Amino acid sequence: MRKPSYITREVARRVAPRFLSKIEKRPGDPCWHWTSAKDQHGYGCFSICDNGRQVTVKAYRLSYVLHCGEIPPGMVVRHSCDVPDCVNPVHLWLGSQADNVADAIRRGRASGGSMPGSSNPYSKLTEADVIKIRRLYAEGFPGTALARQFGVSNRAVYLLLNRKSWQHVA
C-alpha cells in the first residue's frame, strides 16, 4: 500500500461517483456515514485502481481531497466529530500527527486518555457489575470466584476491589 498522501485531486474526481454512492446521509445526523468496507477501528476503506494495481485508502482522506484539496506532506486529516465512519468534509480538517494524538488523548480514545468504566469499548464489566462484585466480596465471596463468575481475571477483580480501577464507581 502506498503512502496515503498520494491521493491527488485528479484521482479523487475520477472515483467520485463510486465513492459518493457509498455514503449515507441520515436525517438529523450531521455525519456522512461510510457504508462500505471498514477497517478494524471502523474507519472507511476505499479501493482505487492505480496503474493496474488495487490500492486501499481511507475514505475520510479521499473525502477531504475530493471536497477540500490535496493533503500536504506531513499533514493528517483529523475528525471533529469522533465518528470513525464519518466522511463529511465539514467534520474533517488538517493537522499534524502530534495534534491528532493530542485529540485522541483529550477525547479518551488513546492510551493516556481516560475512558472510564463501560464507556471503554474493551471493558467486560459495567458499573452495576462493579457494585455487585464489591458487595459480594464484602459479604464474603472470594475474589477468584467473582472473577470466574463475571468472566474477568483475578487481577481485574483485585484492582477494582482496591479502587485502582473503576474509581468513579462508589
N, C-alpha and C. Protein backbone atom coordinates (compact mmCIF):
# COMPACT_ATOMS: atom_id res chain seq x y z
N MET A 1 0.85 -1.19 0.00
CA MET A 1 0.00 0.00 0.00
C MET A 1 0.89 1.24 0.00
N ARG A 2 0.58 2.17 -0.89
CA ARG A 2 1.34 3.40 -0.95
C ARG A 2 1.03 4.30 0.24
N LYS A 3 1.87 5.30 0.42
CA LYS A 3 1.57 6.30 1.44
C LYS A 3 0.22 6.94 1.11
N PRO A 4 -0.67 7.11 2.09
CA PRO A 4 -2.00 7.64 1.82
C PRO A 4 -2.00 9.03 1.21
N SER A 5 -0.93 9.81 1.38
CA SER A 5 -0.92 11.18 0.90
C SER A 5 -0.81 11.27 -0.62
N TYR A 6 -0.66 10.12 -1.29
CA TYR A 6 -0.55 10.18 -2.74
C TYR A 6 -1.88 10.49 -3.41
N ILE A 7 -2.98 10.46 -2.71
CA ILE A 7 -4.30 10.72 -3.32
C ILE A 7 -4.29 12.13 -3.89
N THR A 8 -4.47 12.22 -5.20
CA THR A 8 -4.49 13.52 -5.84
C THR A 8 -5.93 13.95 -6.10
N ARG A 9 -6.11 15.21 -6.38
CA ARG A 9 -7.45 15.73 -6.71
C ARG A 9 -7.97 15.04 -7.97
N GLU A 10 -7.07 14.76 -8.91
CA GLU A 10 -7.44 14.09 -10.15
C GLU A 10 -7.98 12.68 -9.88
N VAL A 11 -7.28 11.93 -9.03
CA VAL A 11 -7.73 10.59 -8.66
C VAL A 11 -9.07 10.67 -7.95
N ALA A 12 -9.22 11.60 -7.02
CA ALA A 12 -10.46 11.76 -6.27
C ALA A 12 -11.63 12.05 -7.21
N ARG A 13 -11.42 12.92 -8.19
CA ARG A 13 -12.50 13.25 -9.13
C ARG A 13 -12.86 12.05 -10.00
N ARG A 14 -11.85 11.27 -10.37
CA ARG A 14 -12.08 10.10 -11.23
C ARG A 14 -12.98 9.07 -10.52
N VAL A 15 -12.78 8.89 -9.23
CA VAL A 15 -13.54 7.86 -8.49
C VAL A 15 -14.74 8.43 -7.74
N ALA A 16 -14.99 9.74 -7.89
CA ALA A 16 -16.05 10.41 -7.11
C ALA A 16 -17.42 9.76 -7.22
N PRO A 17 -17.92 9.41 -8.41
CA PRO A 17 -19.28 8.82 -8.45
C PRO A 17 -19.38 7.53 -7.63
N ARG A 18 -18.40 6.65 -7.76
CA ARG A 18 -18.42 5.39 -7.00
C ARG A 18 -18.26 5.67 -5.51
N PHE A 19 -17.36 6.60 -5.16
CA PHE A 19 -17.14 6.97 -3.76
C PHE A 19 -18.42 7.52 -3.13
N LEU A 20 -19.05 8.48 -3.80
CA LEU A 20 -20.23 9.14 -3.25
C LEU A 20 -21.41 8.19 -3.11
N SER A 21 -21.45 7.11 -3.90
CA SER A 21 -22.54 6.14 -3.80
C SER A 21 -22.46 5.31 -2.52
N LYS A 22 -21.36 5.40 -1.80
CA LYS A 22 -21.16 4.60 -0.59
C LYS A 22 -21.33 5.43 0.69
N ILE A 23 -21.97 6.57 0.55
CA ILE A 23 -22.19 7.47 1.69
C ILE A 23 -23.67 7.52 2.02
N GLU A 24 -23.97 7.44 3.32
CA GLU A 24 -25.36 7.55 3.78
C GLU A 24 -25.49 8.82 4.62
N LYS A 25 -26.43 9.67 4.23
CA LYS A 25 -26.74 10.89 4.99
C LYS A 25 -28.07 10.64 5.69
N ARG A 26 -28.03 10.60 7.03
CA ARG A 26 -29.22 10.29 7.82
C ARG A 26 -29.90 11.56 8.31
N PRO A 27 -31.23 11.59 8.29
CA PRO A 27 -31.94 12.79 8.76
C PRO A 27 -31.57 13.13 10.21
N GLY A 28 -31.25 14.39 10.45
CA GLY A 28 -30.92 14.85 11.79
C GLY A 28 -29.51 14.52 12.26
N ASP A 29 -28.73 13.84 11.43
CA ASP A 29 -27.36 13.45 11.79
C ASP A 29 -26.40 14.21 10.88
N PRO A 30 -25.55 15.05 11.44
CA PRO A 30 -24.64 15.83 10.58
C PRO A 30 -23.53 15.00 9.95
N CYS A 31 -23.29 13.80 10.44
CA CYS A 31 -22.24 12.95 9.87
C CYS A 31 -22.70 12.33 8.57
N TRP A 32 -21.75 12.12 7.66
CA TRP A 32 -21.98 11.34 6.44
C TRP A 32 -21.34 9.99 6.71
N HIS A 33 -22.14 8.94 6.80
CA HIS A 33 -21.64 7.64 7.20
C HIS A 33 -21.20 6.80 6.00
N TRP A 34 -20.02 6.21 6.12
CA TRP A 34 -19.46 5.33 5.11
C TRP A 34 -20.16 3.98 5.24
N THR A 35 -20.69 3.47 4.13
CA THR A 35 -21.47 2.24 4.18
C THR A 35 -20.75 1.04 3.58
N SER A 36 -19.54 1.22 3.14
CA SER A 36 -18.81 0.12 2.51
C SER A 36 -17.76 -0.43 3.48
N ALA A 37 -16.69 -0.97 2.96
CA ALA A 37 -15.67 -1.63 3.77
C ALA A 37 -15.10 -0.70 4.84
N LYS A 38 -14.81 -1.31 6.00
CA LYS A 38 -14.22 -0.56 7.12
C LYS A 38 -13.07 -1.36 7.71
N ASP A 39 -12.13 -0.65 8.31
CA ASP A 39 -11.03 -1.35 8.97
C ASP A 39 -11.45 -1.76 10.38
N GLN A 40 -10.53 -2.35 11.13
CA GLN A 40 -10.86 -2.87 12.46
C GLN A 40 -11.23 -1.78 13.45
N HIS A 41 -10.97 -0.52 13.12
CA HIS A 41 -11.30 0.59 14.01
C HIS A 41 -12.56 1.33 13.56
N GLY A 42 -13.18 0.86 12.47
CA GLY A 42 -14.41 1.46 11.99
C GLY A 42 -14.23 2.55 10.95
N TYR A 43 -12.99 2.81 10.53
CA TYR A 43 -12.73 3.82 9.50
C TYR A 43 -12.99 3.21 8.13
N GLY A 44 -13.66 3.98 7.27
CA GLY A 44 -13.97 3.51 5.93
C GLY A 44 -12.73 3.29 5.10
N CYS A 45 -12.79 2.26 4.25
CA CYS A 45 -11.70 1.95 3.33
C CYS A 45 -12.26 1.95 1.91
N PHE A 46 -11.47 2.43 0.97
CA PHE A 46 -11.91 2.55 -0.41
C PHE A 46 -10.79 2.08 -1.33
N SER A 47 -11.12 1.23 -2.29
CA SER A 47 -10.11 0.71 -3.22
C SER A 47 -10.09 1.54 -4.49
N ILE A 48 -8.88 1.84 -4.92
CA ILE A 48 -8.66 2.59 -6.15
C ILE A 48 -7.71 1.78 -7.02
N CYS A 49 -8.00 1.72 -8.31
CA CYS A 49 -7.09 1.06 -9.24
C CYS A 49 -6.06 2.09 -9.67
N ASP A 50 -4.80 1.82 -9.37
CA ASP A 50 -3.71 2.74 -9.67
C ASP A 50 -2.70 2.01 -10.56
N ASN A 51 -2.67 2.38 -11.84
CA ASN A 51 -1.78 1.73 -12.81
C ASN A 51 -1.92 0.21 -12.78
N GLY A 52 -3.17 -0.28 -12.78
CA GLY A 52 -3.42 -1.70 -12.81
C GLY A 52 -3.27 -2.40 -11.48
N ARG A 53 -3.05 -1.66 -10.43
CA ARG A 53 -2.86 -2.22 -9.09
C ARG A 53 -3.90 -1.65 -8.14
N GLN A 54 -4.51 -2.51 -7.32
CA GLN A 54 -5.50 -2.05 -6.34
C GLN A 54 -4.78 -1.42 -5.15
N VAL A 55 -5.19 -0.22 -4.79
CA VAL A 55 -4.64 0.49 -3.64
C VAL A 55 -5.81 0.84 -2.73
N THR A 56 -5.66 0.57 -1.44
CA THR A 56 -6.71 0.90 -0.48
C THR A 56 -6.34 2.18 0.25
N VAL A 57 -7.31 3.10 0.32
CA VAL A 57 -7.10 4.37 1.02
C VAL A 57 -8.21 4.55 2.05
N LYS A 58 -7.99 5.41 3.00
CA LYS A 58 -9.01 5.72 4.00
C LYS A 58 -10.06 6.62 3.34
N ALA A 59 -11.33 6.28 3.55
CA ALA A 59 -12.43 7.01 2.92
C ALA A 59 -12.45 8.47 3.35
N TYR A 60 -12.16 8.76 4.61
CA TYR A 60 -12.21 10.14 5.06
C TYR A 60 -11.11 10.98 4.41
N ARG A 61 -9.95 10.37 4.11
CA ARG A 61 -8.88 11.09 3.42
C ARG A 61 -9.29 11.41 1.98
N LEU A 62 -9.91 10.44 1.33
CA LEU A 62 -10.38 10.67 -0.03
C LEU A 62 -11.45 11.75 -0.04
N SER A 63 -12.35 11.73 0.93
CA SER A 63 -13.38 12.76 1.02
C SER A 63 -12.75 14.14 1.18
N TYR A 64 -11.73 14.21 2.01
CA TYR A 64 -11.06 15.51 2.22
C TYR A 64 -10.47 16.01 0.90
N VAL A 65 -9.76 15.14 0.18
CA VAL A 65 -9.14 15.54 -1.08
C VAL A 65 -10.21 15.95 -2.10
N LEU A 66 -11.26 15.17 -2.19
CA LEU A 66 -12.33 15.45 -3.14
C LEU A 66 -12.99 16.81 -2.88
N HIS A 67 -13.26 17.11 -1.63
CA HIS A 67 -14.02 18.30 -1.28
C HIS A 67 -13.18 19.52 -0.89
N CYS A 68 -11.97 19.29 -0.37
CA CYS A 68 -11.20 20.40 0.19
C CYS A 68 -9.87 20.65 -0.52
N GLY A 69 -9.28 19.63 -1.10
CA GLY A 69 -7.99 19.78 -1.75
C GLY A 69 -7.00 18.75 -1.24
N GLU A 70 -5.85 18.72 -1.87
CA GLU A 70 -4.84 17.71 -1.54
C GLU A 70 -4.28 17.91 -0.13
N ILE A 71 -3.81 16.82 0.41
CA ILE A 71 -3.26 16.82 1.77
C ILE A 71 -1.75 17.07 1.67
N PRO A 72 -1.26 18.16 2.25
CA PRO A 72 0.17 18.45 2.16
C PRO A 72 1.00 17.38 2.87
N PRO A 73 2.22 17.14 2.39
CA PRO A 73 3.10 16.16 3.05
C PRO A 73 3.26 16.49 4.53
N GLY A 74 3.23 15.46 5.36
CA GLY A 74 3.42 15.63 6.80
C GLY A 74 2.15 15.99 7.55
N MET A 75 1.06 16.18 6.83
CA MET A 75 -0.20 16.53 7.49
C MET A 75 -1.11 15.31 7.52
N VAL A 76 -2.00 15.27 8.52
CA VAL A 76 -3.00 14.22 8.63
C VAL A 76 -4.38 14.87 8.62
N VAL A 77 -5.39 14.06 8.30
CA VAL A 77 -6.77 14.54 8.33
C VAL A 77 -7.36 14.12 9.66
N ARG A 78 -7.92 15.09 10.37
CA ARG A 78 -8.49 14.85 11.69
C ARG A 78 -10.01 14.97 11.63
N HIS A 79 -10.70 14.25 12.53
CA HIS A 79 -12.16 14.31 12.65
C HIS A 79 -12.54 15.23 13.81
N SER A 80 -13.51 16.10 13.59
CA SER A 80 -14.03 16.90 14.70
C SER A 80 -15.13 16.16 15.44
N CYS A 81 -15.75 15.18 14.78
CA CYS A 81 -16.93 14.52 15.34
C CYS A 81 -16.61 13.23 16.08
N ASP A 82 -15.41 12.70 15.94
CA ASP A 82 -15.03 11.44 16.59
C ASP A 82 -15.87 10.25 16.14
N VAL A 83 -16.43 10.31 14.93
CA VAL A 83 -17.19 9.19 14.37
C VAL A 83 -16.31 8.60 13.27
N PRO A 84 -15.74 7.41 13.50
CA PRO A 84 -14.77 6.87 12.54
C PRO A 84 -15.29 6.72 11.12
N ASP A 85 -16.58 6.38 10.95
CA ASP A 85 -17.07 6.18 9.58
C ASP A 85 -17.59 7.46 8.92
N CYS A 86 -17.39 8.60 9.57
CA CYS A 86 -17.85 9.89 9.02
C CYS A 86 -16.88 10.38 7.95
N VAL A 87 -17.45 10.78 6.80
CA VAL A 87 -16.65 11.34 5.71
C VAL A 87 -17.15 12.74 5.32
N ASN A 88 -17.91 13.37 6.20
CA ASN A 88 -18.41 14.72 5.94
C ASN A 88 -17.23 15.69 5.94
N PRO A 89 -16.96 16.37 4.83
CA PRO A 89 -15.79 17.26 4.78
C PRO A 89 -15.85 18.40 5.79
N VAL A 90 -17.04 18.75 6.26
CA VAL A 90 -17.17 19.80 7.27
C VAL A 90 -16.58 19.32 8.60
N HIS A 91 -16.53 18.01 8.82
CA HIS A 91 -16.01 17.43 10.06
C HIS A 91 -14.52 17.08 9.96
N LEU A 92 -13.91 17.37 8.82
CA LEU A 92 -12.51 16.99 8.59
C LEU A 92 -11.64 18.22 8.46
N TRP A 93 -10.48 18.18 9.11
CA TRP A 93 -9.53 19.27 8.96
C TRP A 93 -8.12 18.74 9.10
N LEU A 94 -7.18 19.53 8.62
CA LEU A 94 -5.78 19.11 8.63
C LEU A 94 -5.10 19.46 9.94
N GLY A 95 -4.09 18.70 10.28
CA GLY A 95 -3.27 18.97 11.45
C GLY A 95 -2.05 18.08 11.41
N SER A 96 -1.22 18.23 12.40
CA SER A 96 -0.03 17.37 12.49
C SER A 96 -0.41 16.07 13.20
N GLN A 97 0.47 15.10 13.11
CA GLN A 97 0.23 13.84 13.83
C GLN A 97 0.20 14.10 15.34
N ALA A 98 1.02 15.04 15.80
CA ALA A 98 1.02 15.39 17.23
C ALA A 98 -0.35 15.96 17.63
N ASP A 99 -0.95 16.79 16.78
CA ASP A 99 -2.29 17.32 17.05
C ASP A 99 -3.30 16.17 17.14
N ASN A 100 -3.18 15.22 16.22
CA ASN A 100 -4.11 14.10 16.17
C ASN A 100 -4.00 13.23 17.43
N VAL A 101 -2.78 12.98 17.87
CA VAL A 101 -2.56 12.19 19.09
C VAL A 101 -3.11 12.94 20.30
N ALA A 102 -2.86 14.25 20.34
CA ALA A 102 -3.38 15.06 21.46
C ALA A 102 -4.91 15.01 21.49
N ASP A 103 -5.54 15.07 20.31
CA ASP A 103 -7.01 14.94 20.24
C ASP A 103 -7.45 13.61 20.82
N ALA A 104 -6.78 12.53 20.40
CA ALA A 104 -7.15 11.18 20.85
C ALA A 104 -7.04 11.06 22.36
N ILE A 105 -5.99 11.59 22.93
CA ILE A 105 -5.81 11.53 24.38
C ILE A 105 -6.87 12.38 25.09
N ARG A 106 -7.06 13.60 24.61
CA ARG A 106 -8.03 14.51 25.24
C ARG A 106 -9.45 13.93 25.19
N ARG A 107 -9.76 13.22 24.12
CA ARG A 107 -11.11 12.67 23.94
C ARG A 107 -11.24 11.25 24.48
N GLY A 108 -10.16 10.72 25.08
CA GLY A 108 -10.23 9.40 25.70
C GLY A 108 -10.18 8.25 24.72
N ARG A 109 -9.60 8.47 23.53
CA ARG A 109 -9.54 7.41 22.53
C ARG A 109 -8.17 6.77 22.44
N ALA A 110 -7.26 7.10 23.32
CA ALA A 110 -5.91 6.55 23.22
C ALA A 110 -5.36 6.32 24.61
N SER A 111 -4.30 5.50 24.67
CA SER A 111 -3.66 5.30 25.96
C SER A 111 -3.18 6.65 26.45
N GLY A 112 -3.33 6.87 27.70
CA GLY A 112 -3.02 8.18 28.25
C GLY A 112 -4.29 8.98 28.44
N GLY A 113 -5.35 8.59 27.74
CA GLY A 113 -6.63 9.26 27.88
C GLY A 113 -7.45 8.56 28.94
N SER A 114 -8.65 8.99 29.11
CA SER A 114 -9.48 8.40 30.14
C SER A 114 -10.83 8.02 29.56
N MET A 115 -11.08 6.72 29.49
CA MET A 115 -12.40 6.23 29.10
C MET A 115 -12.86 5.35 30.25
N PRO A 116 -13.40 5.95 31.29
CA PRO A 116 -13.73 5.17 32.48
C PRO A 116 -14.90 4.22 32.27
N GLY A 117 -14.79 3.10 32.96
CA GLY A 117 -15.89 2.17 33.05
C GLY A 117 -16.38 1.61 31.75
N SER A 118 -17.69 1.46 31.65
CA SER A 118 -18.29 0.81 30.49
C SER A 118 -18.21 1.67 29.24
N SER A 119 -17.78 2.93 29.34
CA SER A 119 -17.58 3.74 28.13
C SER A 119 -16.33 3.28 27.38
N ASN A 120 -15.47 2.51 28.05
CA ASN A 120 -14.30 1.95 27.38
C ASN A 120 -14.76 0.74 26.57
N PRO A 121 -14.51 0.73 25.25
CA PRO A 121 -15.01 -0.36 24.42
C PRO A 121 -14.41 -1.73 24.77
N TYR A 122 -13.32 -1.77 25.52
CA TYR A 122 -12.70 -3.04 25.89
C TYR A 122 -13.17 -3.56 27.24
N SER A 123 -14.02 -2.81 27.90
CA SER A 123 -14.50 -3.20 29.22
C SER A 123 -15.41 -4.41 29.13
N LYS A 124 -15.18 -5.37 30.03
CA LYS A 124 -16.06 -6.54 30.12
C LYS A 124 -17.13 -6.34 31.19
N LEU A 125 -16.95 -5.32 32.02
CA LEU A 125 -17.86 -5.08 33.13
C LEU A 125 -18.64 -3.79 32.92
N THR A 126 -19.74 -3.70 33.65
CA THR A 126 -20.50 -2.45 33.71
C THR A 126 -20.35 -1.89 35.13
N GLU A 127 -20.79 -0.68 35.31
CA GLU A 127 -20.76 -0.09 36.65
C GLU A 127 -21.59 -0.93 37.62
N ALA A 128 -22.72 -1.45 37.15
CA ALA A 128 -23.56 -2.29 38.01
C ALA A 128 -22.82 -3.56 38.42
N ASP A 129 -22.03 -4.15 37.50
CA ASP A 129 -21.24 -5.34 37.82
C ASP A 129 -20.23 -5.02 38.92
N VAL A 130 -19.58 -3.86 38.82
CA VAL A 130 -18.56 -3.48 39.80
C VAL A 130 -19.19 -3.32 41.18
N ILE A 131 -20.34 -2.68 41.24
CA ILE A 131 -21.04 -2.51 42.51
C ILE A 131 -21.38 -3.88 43.10
N LYS A 132 -21.87 -4.78 42.24
CA LYS A 132 -22.25 -6.12 42.70
C LYS A 132 -21.02 -6.90 43.18
N ILE A 133 -19.91 -6.82 42.44
CA ILE A 133 -18.68 -7.52 42.85
C ILE A 133 -18.22 -7.01 44.21
N ARG A 134 -18.21 -5.71 44.40
CA ARG A 134 -17.76 -5.14 45.68
C ARG A 134 -18.68 -5.57 46.82
N ARG A 135 -19.99 -5.61 46.54
CA ARG A 135 -20.94 -6.02 47.57
C ARG A 135 -20.76 -7.50 47.92
N LEU A 136 -20.66 -8.34 46.90
CA LEU A 136 -20.49 -9.78 47.14
C LEU A 136 -19.18 -10.07 47.87
N TYR A 137 -18.13 -9.34 47.53
CA TYR A 137 -16.84 -9.54 48.20
C TYR A 137 -16.98 -9.17 49.69
N ALA A 138 -17.67 -8.05 49.94
CA ALA A 138 -17.89 -7.62 51.33
C ALA A 138 -18.72 -8.64 52.10
N GLU A 139 -19.56 -9.39 51.40
CA GLU A 139 -20.38 -10.43 52.03
C GLU A 139 -19.62 -11.74 52.20
N GLY A 140 -18.37 -11.79 51.74
CA GLY A 140 -17.55 -12.97 51.97
C GLY A 140 -17.24 -13.84 50.76
N PHE A 141 -17.71 -13.47 49.58
CA PHE A 141 -17.39 -14.26 48.39
C PHE A 141 -15.92 -14.04 48.02
N PRO A 142 -15.19 -15.09 47.70
CA PRO A 142 -13.78 -14.94 47.34
C PRO A 142 -13.61 -14.25 45.98
N GLY A 143 -12.56 -13.47 45.86
CA GLY A 143 -12.29 -12.74 44.63
C GLY A 143 -12.13 -13.65 43.43
N THR A 144 -11.51 -14.83 43.62
CA THR A 144 -11.32 -15.74 42.49
C THR A 144 -12.66 -16.25 41.95
N ALA A 145 -13.59 -16.51 42.85
CA ALA A 145 -14.92 -16.97 42.42
C ALA A 145 -15.65 -15.84 41.67
N LEU A 146 -15.49 -14.61 42.14
CA LEU A 146 -16.13 -13.47 41.49
C LEU A 146 -15.54 -13.24 40.10
N ALA A 147 -14.23 -13.39 40.00
CA ALA A 147 -13.57 -13.23 38.70
C ALA A 147 -14.13 -14.24 37.70
N ARG A 148 -14.25 -15.47 38.14
CA ARG A 148 -14.77 -16.54 37.28
C ARG A 148 -16.23 -16.24 36.90
N GLN A 149 -17.03 -15.85 37.89
CA GLN A 149 -18.46 -15.57 37.66
C GLN A 149 -18.67 -14.45 36.64
N PHE A 150 -17.83 -13.41 36.71
CA PHE A 150 -18.01 -12.25 35.84
C PHE A 150 -17.13 -12.28 34.59
N GLY A 151 -16.36 -13.36 34.43
CA GLY A 151 -15.57 -13.54 33.21
C GLY A 151 -14.40 -12.59 33.07
N VAL A 152 -13.79 -12.24 34.19
CA VAL A 152 -12.61 -11.36 34.16
C VAL A 152 -11.48 -12.03 34.93
N SER A 153 -10.31 -11.44 34.85
CA SER A 153 -9.16 -12.01 35.54
C SER A 153 -9.21 -11.72 37.04
N ASN A 154 -8.44 -12.50 37.79
CA ASN A 154 -8.30 -12.25 39.23
C ASN A 154 -7.72 -10.85 39.45
N ARG A 155 -6.78 -10.48 38.59
CA ARG A 155 -6.16 -9.15 38.70
C ARG A 155 -7.19 -8.04 38.53
N ALA A 156 -8.11 -8.20 37.59
CA ALA A 156 -9.15 -7.18 37.37
C ALA A 156 -10.00 -7.01 38.63
N VAL A 157 -10.35 -8.12 39.26
CA VAL A 157 -11.14 -8.05 40.49
C VAL A 157 -10.32 -7.39 41.60
N TYR A 158 -9.05 -7.78 41.73
CA TYR A 158 -8.17 -7.18 42.73
C TYR A 158 -8.12 -5.66 42.55
N LEU A 159 -7.92 -5.21 41.30
CA LEU A 159 -7.80 -3.78 41.03
C LEU A 159 -9.08 -3.01 41.35
N LEU A 160 -10.22 -3.58 41.01
CA LEU A 160 -11.46 -2.85 41.30
C LEU A 160 -11.80 -2.88 42.79
N LEU A 161 -11.46 -3.98 43.49
CA LEU A 161 -11.71 -4.04 44.93
C LEU A 161 -10.83 -3.07 45.69
N ASN A 162 -9.61 -2.85 45.19
CA ASN A 162 -8.68 -1.94 45.84
C ASN A 162 -8.72 -0.53 45.25
N ARG A 163 -9.74 -0.28 44.44
CA ARG A 163 -10.01 1.03 43.84
C ARG A 163 -8.83 1.58 43.03
N LYS A 164 -8.10 0.65 42.41
CA LYS A 164 -7.04 1.05 41.47
C LYS A 164 -7.65 1.19 40.08
N SER A 165 -8.81 0.58 39.88
CA SER A 165 -9.60 0.76 38.67
C SER A 165 -11.05 1.01 39.11
N TRP A 166 -11.83 1.52 38.20
CA TRP A 166 -13.24 1.82 38.48
C TRP A 166 -13.40 2.76 39.67
N GLN A 167 -12.49 3.73 39.81
CA GLN A 167 -12.56 4.67 40.94
C GLN A 167 -13.82 5.53 40.89
N HIS A 168 -14.38 5.71 39.70
CA HIS A 168 -15.56 6.56 39.56
C HIS A 168 -16.83 5.90 40.09
N VAL A 169 -16.75 4.60 40.42
CA VAL A 169 -17.92 3.88 40.92
C VAL A 169 -17.87 3.86 42.43
N ALA A 170 -18.92 4.32 43.05
CA ALA A 170 -18.95 4.43 44.52
C ALA A 170 -18.94 3.07 45.20
